[in-house]
Amino acid sequence: MTLRFTKKHLVTLLLSIFVLAGITYLMMFLLVSPIKSEIERLESNVSMQKKFIDVLKQNQTESDIPVVSSTEIQKKIPVIPLVEQLLLEIEQAENVSGSEITSMSFSESDFTLAPTNEPIETTEEEETEAAELPITIDPAAITEGLRQVTVTISVQSPGYDELERFLSQIEHQTRITKVDSLSFTGKQEAVSINQEDLDAPLDYTVTVSTFYMPVYPELAEDAPKVNFPTPSEKKNPLFMNTSEQDDE
């Protein structure tokens, strides 16, 4: 079978091809091109967001990390003994509690952690977090080089409330301090209202420890300064000076 194309047929075919090409181009222009542009815009936006996040991370690394001075750290554990500071804190506890210190003795030693066989209770969440940690912490390594200053203080307080206030004042100062032991003799049980020792003060002995880290002597200049009280300018501490008497 032989197909014959007339001029009219050829014109119709060419027009059909042009129409199809036009429709295809129109679809590309109206549908595909906007989608492609939107994809390019989103990719550009994602790239800009990544750069912005990188800048934020860099700024946080460089400027947002808090800087703690050596002096602030040494308010808790200094690099020198600072026994004078400890004496002032004990004296303040004496005044605040209305107690009286009758004697003190000092000793110094290396600090060592006491071994313990007691099991440590942990939650399931803490055990999971511990298992994920890549390293283990050795407490003995952290405290290596730590020195301990121990003070044994004989104190007399009017009653139990004053005793408790004295110990609380010692333990709640800025410098890390702990009460190691306390021994005292309680008052006898009252058997009559005329018993003479009902109002007798409490005599007790308390052992207190504080710490310092001498392995960093180069930081000694940053140690907290001890502010001593202003001298009273009295020649005899048992009596007022002349100017005080004249004022009265």
C-alpha atoms as a PDB file:
ATOM      1  CA  MET A   1       0.000   0.000   0.000  1.00  0.00           C
ATOM      2  CA  THR A   2       1.452   3.331  -1.057  1.00  0.00           C
ATOM      3  CA  LEU A   3       0.835   6.463   1.024  1.00  0.00           C
ATOM      4  CA  ARG A   4       0.617   9.658  -0.866  1.00  0.00           C
ATOM      5  CA  PHE A   5       0.932  13.036   0.858  1.00  0.00           C
ATOM      6  CA  THR A   6      -0.492  16.011  -0.783  1.00  0.00           C
ATOM      7  CA  LYS A   7       0.635  19.540  -0.125  1.00  0.00           C
ATOM      8  CA  LYS A   8      -2.347  20.008   2.117  1.00  0.00           C
ATOM      9  CA  HIS A   9      -1.341  16.999   4.193  1.00  0.00           C
ATOM     10  CA  LEU A  10       2.216  18.277   4.594  1.00  0.00           C
ATOM     11  CA  VAL A  11       1.005  21.678   5.726  1.00  0.00           C
ATOM     12  CA  THR A  12      -1.317  20.059   8.243  1.00  0.00           C
ATOM     13  CA  LEU A  13       1.510  17.842   9.580  1.00  0.00           C
ATOM     14  CA  LEU A  14       3.872  20.785   9.978  1.00  0.00           C
ATOM     15  CA  LEU A  15       1.216  22.810  11.756  1.00  0.00           C
ATOM     16  CA  SER A  16       0.564  19.891  14.099  1.00  0.00           C
ATOM     17  CA  ILE A  17       4.283  19.620  14.896  1.00  0.00           C
ATOM     18  CA  PHE A  18       4.494  23.346  15.623  1.00  0.00           C
ATOM     19  CA  VAL A  19       1.393  23.194  17.828  1.00  0.00           C
ATOM     20  CA  LEU A  20       2.785  20.235  19.801  1.00  0.00           C
ATOM     21  CA  ALA A  21       6.158  21.981  20.185  1.00  0.00           C
ATOM     22  CA  GLY A  22       4.380  25.104  21.362  1.00  0.00           C
ATOM     23  CA  ILE A  23       2.291  23.185  23.878  1.00  0.00           C
ATOM     24  CA  THR A  24       5.401  21.384  25.155  1.00  0.00           C
ATOM     25  CA  TYR A  25       7.317  24.655  25.547  1.00  0.00           C
ATOM     26  CA  LEU A  26       4.329  26.255  27.255  1.00  0.00           C
ATOM     27  CA  MET A  27       4.082  23.389  29.731  1.00  0.00           C
ATOM     28  CA  MET A  28       7.818  23.634  30.447  1.00  0.00           C
ATOM     29  CA  PHE A  29       7.496  27.368  30.990  1.00  0.00           C
ATOM     30  CA  LEU A  30       4.370  27.238  33.142  1.00  0.00           C
ATOM     31  CA  LEU A  31       5.022  24.062  35.180  1.00  0.00           C
ATOM     32  CA  VAL A  32       8.577  22.770  35.121  1.00  0.00           C
ATOM     33  CA  SER A  33      10.404  26.091  35.184  1.00  0.00           C
ATOM     34  CA  PRO A  34       8.700  27.424  38.386  1.00  0.00           C
ATOM     35  CA  ILE A  35       9.352  24.127  40.151  1.00  0.00           C
ATOM     36  CA  LYS A  36      13.003  24.233  39.139  1.00  0.00           C
ATOM     37  CA  SER A  37      13.292  27.833  40.329  1.00  0.00           C
ATOM     38  CA  GLU A  38      11.677  26.915  43.667  1.00  0.00           C
ATOM     39  CA  ILE A  39      14.138  24.051  44.116  1.00  0.00           C
ATOM     40  CA  GLU A  40      17.067  26.350  43.418  1.00  0.00           C
ATOM     41  CA  ARG A  41      15.675  28.916  45.883  1.00  0.00           C
ATOM     42  CA  LEU A  42      15.269  26.287  48.622  1.00  0.00           C
ATOM     43  CA  GLU A  43      18.761  24.928  48.041  1.00  0.00           C
ATOM     44  CA  SER A  44      20.155  28.457  48.306  1.00  0.00           C
ATOM     45  CA  ASN A  45      18.164  29.037  51.504  1.00  0.00           C
ATOM     46  CA  VAL A  46      19.447  25.791  53.052  1.00  0.00           C
ATOM     47  CA  SER A  47      23.014  26.748  52.167  1.00  0.00           C
ATOM     48  CA  MET A  48      22.599  30.166  53.803  1.00  0.00           C
ATOM     49  CA  GLN A  49      21.087  28.563  56.932  1.00  0.00           C
ATOM     50  CA  LYS A  50      24.046  26.193  57.229  1.00  0.00           C
ATOM     51  CA  LYS A  51      26.485  29.085  56.990  1.00  0.00           C
ATOM     52  CA  PHE A  52      24.484  30.999  59.624  1.00  0.00           C
ATOM     53  CA  ILE A  53      24.588  27.999  61.991  1.00  0.00           C
ATOM     54  CA  ASP A  54      28.352  27.649  61.471  1.00  0.00           C
ATOM     55  CA  VAL A  55      28.827  31.320  62.373  1.00  0.00           C
ATOM     56  CA  LEU A  56      26.706  30.910  65.524  1.00  0.00           C
ATOM     57  CA  LYS A  57      28.696  27.858  66.601  1.00  0.00           C
ATOM     58  CA  GLN A  58      31.954  29.707  66.020  1.00  0.00           C
ATOM     59  CA  ASN A  59      30.780  32.721  68.031  1.00  0.00           C
ATOM     60  CA  GLN A  60      29.577  30.490  70.839  1.00  0.00           C
ATOM     61  CA  THR A  61      32.909  28.678  70.935  1.00  0.00           C
ATOM     62  CA  GLU A  62      34.899  31.902  70.982  1.00  0.00           C
ATOM     63  CA  SER A  63      32.840  34.275  73.112  1.00  0.00           C
ATOM     64  CA  ASP A  64      29.997  32.506  74.942  1.00  0.00           C
ATOM     65  CA  ILE A  65      32.197  30.240  77.084  1.00  0.00           C
ATOM     66  CA  PRO A  66      32.203  31.777  80.594  1.00  0.00           C
ATOM     67  CA  VAL A  67      35.623  32.780  81.856  1.00  0.00           C
ATOM     68  CA  VAL A  68      36.145  32.078  85.569  1.00  0.00           C
ATOM     69  CA  SER A  69      39.063  33.898  87.181  1.00  0.00           C
ATOM     70  CA  SER A  70      41.618  32.132  89.344  1.00  0.00           C
ATOM     71  CA  THR A  71      40.609  34.320  92.285  1.00  0.00           C
ATOM     72  CA  GLU A  72      36.985  33.132  92.123  1.00  0.00           C
ATOM     73  CA  ILE A  73      38.094  29.489  92.097  1.00  0.00           C
ATOM     74  CA  GLN A  74      40.513  30.089  94.966  1.00  0.00           C
ATOM     75  CA  LYS A  75      37.702  31.422  97.124  1.00  0.00           C
ATOM     76  CA  LYS A  76      36.712  27.759  97.411  1.00  0.00           C
ATOM     77  CA  ILE A  77      40.124  26.052  97.274  1.00  0.00           C
ATOM     78  CA  PRO A  78      43.159  28.386  97.363  1.00  0.00           C
ATOM     79  CA  VAL A  79      46.705  27.420  96.363  1.00  0.00           C
ATOM     80  CA  ILE A  80      48.126  28.617  99.690  1.00  0.00           C
ATOM     81  CA  PRO A  81      46.971  27.627 103.219  1.00  0.00           C
ATOM     82  CA  LEU A  82      45.346  30.994 104.084  1.00  0.00           C
ATOM     83  CA  VAL A  83      45.171  29.995 107.749  1.00  0.00           C
ATOM     84  CA  GLU A  84      44.466  33.634 108.663  1.00  0.00           C
ATOM     85  CA  GLN A  85      41.285  33.500 106.596  1.00  0.00           C
ATOM     86  CA  LEU A  86      40.220  30.333 108.405  1.00  0.00           C
ATOM     87  CA  LEU A  87      40.877  31.959 111.785  1.00  0.00           C
ATOM     88  CA  LEU A  88      38.703  34.937 110.872  1.00  0.00           C
ATOM     89  CA  GLU A  89      35.887  32.624 109.760  1.00  0.00           C
ATOM     90  CA  ILE A  90      36.094  30.692 113.043  1.00  0.00           C
ATOM     91  CA  GLU A  91      36.095  33.947 114.998  1.00  0.00           C
ATOM     92  CA  GLN A  92      33.028  35.103 113.062  1.00  0.00           C
ATOM     93  CA  ALA A  93      31.257  31.832 113.879  1.00  0.00           C
ATOM     94  CA  GLU A  94      32.148  32.389 117.527  1.00  0.00           C
ATOM     95  CA  ASN A  95      30.637  35.891 117.538  1.00  0.00           C
ATOM     96  CA  VAL A  96      27.511  35.017 115.547  1.00  0.00           C
ATOM     97  CA  SER A  97      26.675  32.014 117.738  1.00  0.00           C
ATOM     98  CA  GLY A  98      27.445  33.726 121.044  1.00  0.00           C
ATOM     99  CA  SER A  99      29.945  30.975 121.865  1.00  0.00           C
ATOM    100  CA  GLU A 100      33.448  31.140 123.321  1.00  0.00           C
ATOM    101  CA  ILE A 101      36.522  29.384 121.939  1.00  0.00           C
ATOM    102  CA  THR A 102      38.794  28.193 124.733  1.00  0.00           C
ATOM    103  CA  SER A 103      41.569  26.602 122.645  1.00  0.00           C
ATOM    104  CA  MET A 104      42.621  25.700 119.088  1.00  0.00           C
ATOM    105  CA  SER A 105      45.265  23.431 117.604  1.00  0.00           C
ATOM    106  CA  PHE A 106      46.296  23.104 113.950  1.00  0.00           C
ATOM    107  CA  SER A 107      47.692  20.262 111.862  1.00  0.00           C
ATOM    108  CA  GLU A 108      48.361  19.721 108.172  1.00  0.00           C
ATOM    109  CA  SER A 109      48.471  16.614 105.993  1.00  0.00           C
ATOM    110  CA  ASP A 110      47.971  15.303 102.480  1.00  0.00           C
ATOM    111  CA  PHE A 111      44.327  14.719 101.647  1.00  0.00           C
ATOM    112  CA  THR A 112      43.374  11.151 100.792  1.00  0.00           C
ATOM    113  CA  LEU A 113      39.962   9.731 100.010  1.00  0.00           C
ATOM    114  CA  ALA A 114      38.808   7.167 102.528  1.00  0.00           C
ATOM    115  CA  PRO A 115      38.060   3.822 100.822  1.00  0.00           C
ATOM    116  CA  THR A 116      34.450   2.707 100.958  1.00  0.00           C
ATOM    117  CA  ASN A 117      32.753  -0.571 100.130  1.00  0.00           C
ATOM    118  CA  GLU A 118      29.243   0.821 100.325  1.00  0.00           C
ATOM    119  CA  PRO A 119      27.263   0.339  97.084  1.00  0.00           C
ATOM    120  CA  ILE A 120      26.255   3.488  95.247  1.00  0.00           C
ATOM    121  CA  GLU A 121      22.597   3.584  94.300  1.00  0.00           C
ATOM    122  CA  THR A 122      21.979   4.774  90.751  1.00  0.00           C
ATOM    123  CA  THR A 123      18.885   5.099  88.617  1.00  0.00           C
ATOM    124  CA  GLU A 124      18.437   3.309  85.296  1.00  0.00           C
ATOM    125  CA  GLU A 125      18.883   6.622  83.459  1.00  0.00           C
ATOM    126  CA  GLU A 126      22.178   7.338  85.265  1.00  0.00           C
ATOM    127  CA  GLU A 127      23.443   3.830  84.445  1.00  0.00           C
ATOM    128  CA  THR A 128      22.614   4.375  80.760  1.00  0.00           C
ATOM    129  CA  GLU A 129      24.417   7.723  80.705  1.00  0.00           C
ATOM    130  CA  ALA A 130      27.437   6.219  82.469  1.00  0.00           C
ATOM    131  CA  ALA A 131      27.603   3.394  79.912  1.00  0.00           C
ATOM    132  CA  GLU A 132      27.669   5.940  77.069  1.00  0.00           C
ATOM    133  CA  LEU A 133      30.573   7.915  78.542  1.00  0.00           C
ATOM    134  CA  PRO A 134      33.844   7.224  76.702  1.00  0.00           C
ATOM    135  CA  ILE A 135      36.002   7.870  79.802  1.00  0.00           C
ATOM    136  CA  THR A 136      35.951   7.096  83.518  1.00  0.00           C
ATOM    137  CA  ILE A 137      36.708   9.602  86.279  1.00  0.00           C
ATOM    138  CA  ASP A 138      39.280   8.693  88.925  1.00  0.00           C
ATOM    139  CA  PRO A 139      38.572  10.693  92.134  1.00  0.00           C
ATOM    140  CA  ALA A 140      42.074   9.956  93.439  1.00  0.00           C
ATOM    141  CA  ALA A 141      43.611  11.615  90.371  1.00  0.00           C
ATOM    142  CA  ILE A 142      41.442  14.720  90.830  1.00  0.00           C
ATOM    143  CA  THR A 143      42.482  15.169  94.479  1.00  0.00           C
ATOM    144  CA  GLU A 144      46.162  14.433  93.867  1.00  0.00           C
ATOM    145  CA  GLY A 145      48.283  17.166  95.450  1.00  0.00           C
ATOM    146  CA  LEU A 146      45.444  18.433  97.658  1.00  0.00           C
ATOM    147  CA  ARG A 147      46.505  19.430 101.179  1.00  0.00           C
ATOM    148  CA  GLN A 148      44.272  19.426 104.245  1.00  0.00           C
ATOM    149  CA  VAL A 149      44.419  21.867 107.150  1.00  0.00           C
ATOM    150  CA  THR A 150      42.738  20.473 110.266  1.00  0.00           C
ATOM    151  CA  VAL A 151      41.741  22.552 113.280  1.00  0.00           C
ATOM    152  CA  THR A 152      40.684  21.071 116.605  1.00  0.00           C
ATOM    153  CA  ILE A 153      38.614  23.643 118.492  1.00  0.00           C
ATOM    154  CA  SER A 154      37.430  23.549 122.090  1.00  0.00           C
ATOM    155  CA  VAL A 155      34.247  25.598 122.369  1.00  0.00           C
ATOM    156  CA  GLN A 156      31.799  26.608 125.061  1.00  0.00           C
ATOM    157  CA  SER A 157      28.250  27.501 124.007  1.00  0.00           C
ATOM    158  CA  PRO A 158      25.302  28.621 126.137  1.00  0.00           C
ATOM    159  CA  GLY A 159      23.102  25.833 124.735  1.00  0.00           C
ATOM    160  CA  TYR A 160      22.400  23.458 121.863  1.00  0.00           C
ATOM    161  CA  ASP A 161      21.005  26.167 119.570  1.00  0.00           C
ATOM    162  CA  GLU A 162      24.245  28.133 119.844  1.00  0.00           C
ATOM    163  CA  LEU A 163      26.256  24.957 119.202  1.00  0.00           C
ATOM    164  CA  GLU A 164      24.229  24.290 116.048  1.00  0.00           C
ATOM    165  CA  ARG A 165      24.625  27.906 114.890  1.00  0.00           C
ATOM    166  CA  PHE A 166      28.404  27.716 115.396  1.00  0.00           C
ATOM    167  CA  LEU A 167      28.715  24.558 113.269  1.00  0.00           C
ATOM    168  CA  SER A 168      26.384  25.917 110.578  1.00  0.00           C
ATOM    169  CA  GLN A 169      28.433  29.107 110.306  1.00  0.00           C
ATOM    170  CA  ILE A 170      31.614  27.047 109.860  1.00  0.00           C
ATOM    171  CA  GLU A 171      30.159  24.785 107.165  1.00  0.00           C
ATOM    172  CA  HIS A 172      28.417  27.481 105.091  1.00  0.00           C
ATOM    173  CA  GLN A 173      31.328  29.783 104.368  1.00  0.00           C
ATOM    174  CA  THR A 174      32.564  30.283 100.792  1.00  0.00           C
ATOM    175  CA  ARG A 175      35.739  28.272 101.265  1.00  0.00           C
ATOM    176  CA  ILE A 176      35.128  24.517 101.231  1.00  0.00           C
ATOM    177  CA  THR A 177      35.155  23.462 104.866  1.00  0.00           C
ATOM    178  CA  LYS A 178      33.780  20.384 106.578  1.00  0.00           C
ATOM    179  CA  VAL A 179      33.186  19.301 110.153  1.00  0.00           C
ATOM    180  CA  ASP A 180      35.028  16.014 110.706  1.00  0.00           C
ATOM    181  CA  SER A 181      33.958  15.211 114.238  1.00  0.00           C
ATOM    182  CA  LEU A 182      32.084  16.582 117.233  1.00  0.00           C
ATOM    183  CA  SER A 183      32.261  15.405 120.819  1.00  0.00           C
ATOM    184  CA  PHE A 184      30.574  16.915 123.825  1.00  0.00           C
ATOM    185  CA  THR A 185      29.108  16.023 127.166  1.00  0.00           C
ATOM    186  CA  GLY A 186      25.426  16.781 127.524  1.00  0.00           C
ATOM    187  CA  LYS A 187      23.884  18.327 130.567  1.00  0.00           C
ATOM    188  CA  GLN A 188      22.573  16.019 133.233  1.00  0.00           C
ATOM    189  CA  GLU A 189      18.886  15.269 133.200  1.00  0.00           C
ATOM    190  CA  ALA A 190      16.991  17.620 135.497  1.00  0.00           C
ATOM    191  CA  VAL A 191      15.674  15.918 138.620  1.00  0.00           C
ATOM    192  CA  SER A 192      14.666  19.057 140.520  1.00  0.00           C
ATOM    193  CA  ILE A 193      13.967  22.702 139.756  1.00  0.00           C
ATOM    194  CA  ASN A 194      16.736  23.771 142.126  1.00  0.00           C
ATOM    195  CA  GLN A 195      19.443  21.823 140.346  1.00  0.00           C
ATOM    196  CA  GLU A 196      22.418  24.188 139.946  1.00  0.00           C
ATOM    197  CA  ASP A 197      23.803  22.949 136.609  1.00  0.00           C
ATOM    198  CA  LEU A 198      20.604  23.430 134.576  1.00  0.00           C
ATOM    199  CA  ASP A 199      21.992  26.598 133.017  1.00  0.00           C
ATOM    200  CA  ALA A 200      25.548  25.309 132.701  1.00  0.00           C
ATOM    201  CA  PRO A 201      27.067  25.904 129.220  1.00  0.00           C
ATOM    202  CA  LEU A 202      27.889  23.139 126.763  1.00  0.00           C
ATOM    203  CA  ASP A 203      31.584  22.284 126.464  1.00  0.00           C
ATOM    204  CA  TYR A 204      32.487  20.453 123.278  1.00  0.00           C
ATOM    205  CA  THR A 205      35.323  19.779 120.858  1.00  0.00           C
ATOM    206  CA  VAL A 206      34.897  20.068 117.095  1.00  0.00           C
ATOM    207  CA  THR A 207      37.400  19.081 114.397  1.00  0.00           C
ATOM    208  CA  VAL A 208      37.209  21.119 111.184  1.00  0.00           C
ATOM    209  CA  SER A 209      39.075  20.622 107.897  1.00  0.00           C
ATOM    210  CA  THR A 210      39.676  22.896 104.939  1.00  0.00           C
ATOM    211  CA  PHE A 211      41.838  22.458 101.853  1.00  0.00           C
ATOM    212  CA  TYR A 212      44.362  24.082  99.536  1.00  0.00           C
ATOM    213  CA  MET A 213      46.158  23.046  96.323  1.00  0.00           C
ATOM    214  CA  PRO A 214      49.890  23.947  96.516  1.00  0.00           C
ATOM    215  CA  VAL A 215      50.735  22.354  93.135  1.00  0.00           C
ATOM    216  CA  TYR A 216      49.935  25.680  91.413  1.00  0.00           C
ATOM    217  CA  PRO A 217      52.310  28.158  93.130  1.00  0.00           C
ATOM    218  CA  GLU A 218      52.213  30.476  90.092  1.00  0.00           C
ATOM    219  CA  LEU A 219      48.608  31.347  91.033  1.00  0.00           C
ATOM    220  CA  ALA A 220      49.465  32.471  94.565  1.00  0.00           C
ATOM    221  CA  GLU A 221      49.168  36.140  93.579  1.00  0.00           C
ATOM    222  CA  ASP A 222      45.521  35.541  92.636  1.00  0.00           C
ATOM    223  CA  ALA A 223      44.630  34.113  96.036  1.00  0.00           C
ATOM    224  CA  PRO A 224      41.849  35.981  97.903  1.00  0.00           C
ATOM    225  CA  LYS A 225      43.090  38.767 100.136  1.00  0.00           C
ATOM    226  CA  VAL A 226      42.333  38.465 103.845  1.00  0.00           C
ATOM    227  CA  ASN A 227      40.683  41.584 105.274  1.00  0.00           C
ATOM    228  CA  PHE A 228      41.751  41.915 108.873  1.00  0.00           C
ATOM    229  CA  PRO A 229      39.604  44.015 111.255  1.00  0.00           C
ATOM    230  CA  THR A 230      40.799  47.529 111.998  1.00  0.00           C
ATOM    231  CA  PRO A 231      42.942  47.701 115.181  1.00  0.00           C
ATOM    232  CA  SER A 232      41.200  49.213 118.193  1.00  0.00           C
ATOM    233  CA  GLU A 233      44.335  51.173 119.277  1.00  0.00           C
ATOM    234  CA  LYS A 234      43.951  50.007 122.863  1.00  0.00           C
ATOM    235  CA  LYS A 235      47.044  49.673 125.028  1.00  0.00           C
ATOM    236  CA  ASN A 236      45.201  47.437 127.447  1.00  0.00           C
ATOM    237  CA  PRO A 237      42.574  45.205 125.781  1.00  0.00           C
ATOM    238  CA  LEU A 238      40.741  44.783 129.086  1.00  0.00           C
ATOM    239  CA  PHE A 239      39.794  48.462 129.354  1.00  0.00           C
ATOM    240  CA  MET A 240      38.715  51.303 127.069  1.00  0.00           C
ATOM    241  CA  ASN A 241      41.380  53.707 125.864  1.00  0.00           C
ATOM    242  CA  THR A 242      41.532  57.350 127.002  1.00  0.00           C
ATOM    243  CA  SER A 243      39.608  58.734 124.035  1.00  0.00           C
ATOM    244  CA  GLU A 244      36.775  56.299 124.668  1.00  0.00           C
ATOM    245  CA  GLN A 245      36.577  57.333 128.306  1.00  0.00           C
ATOM    246  CA  ASP A 246      36.559  61.022 127.349  1.00  0.00           C
ATOM    247  CA  ASP A 247      33.728  60.411 124.879  1.00  0.00           C
ATOM    248  CA  GLU A 248      31.669  58.879 127.621  1.00  0.00           C
END
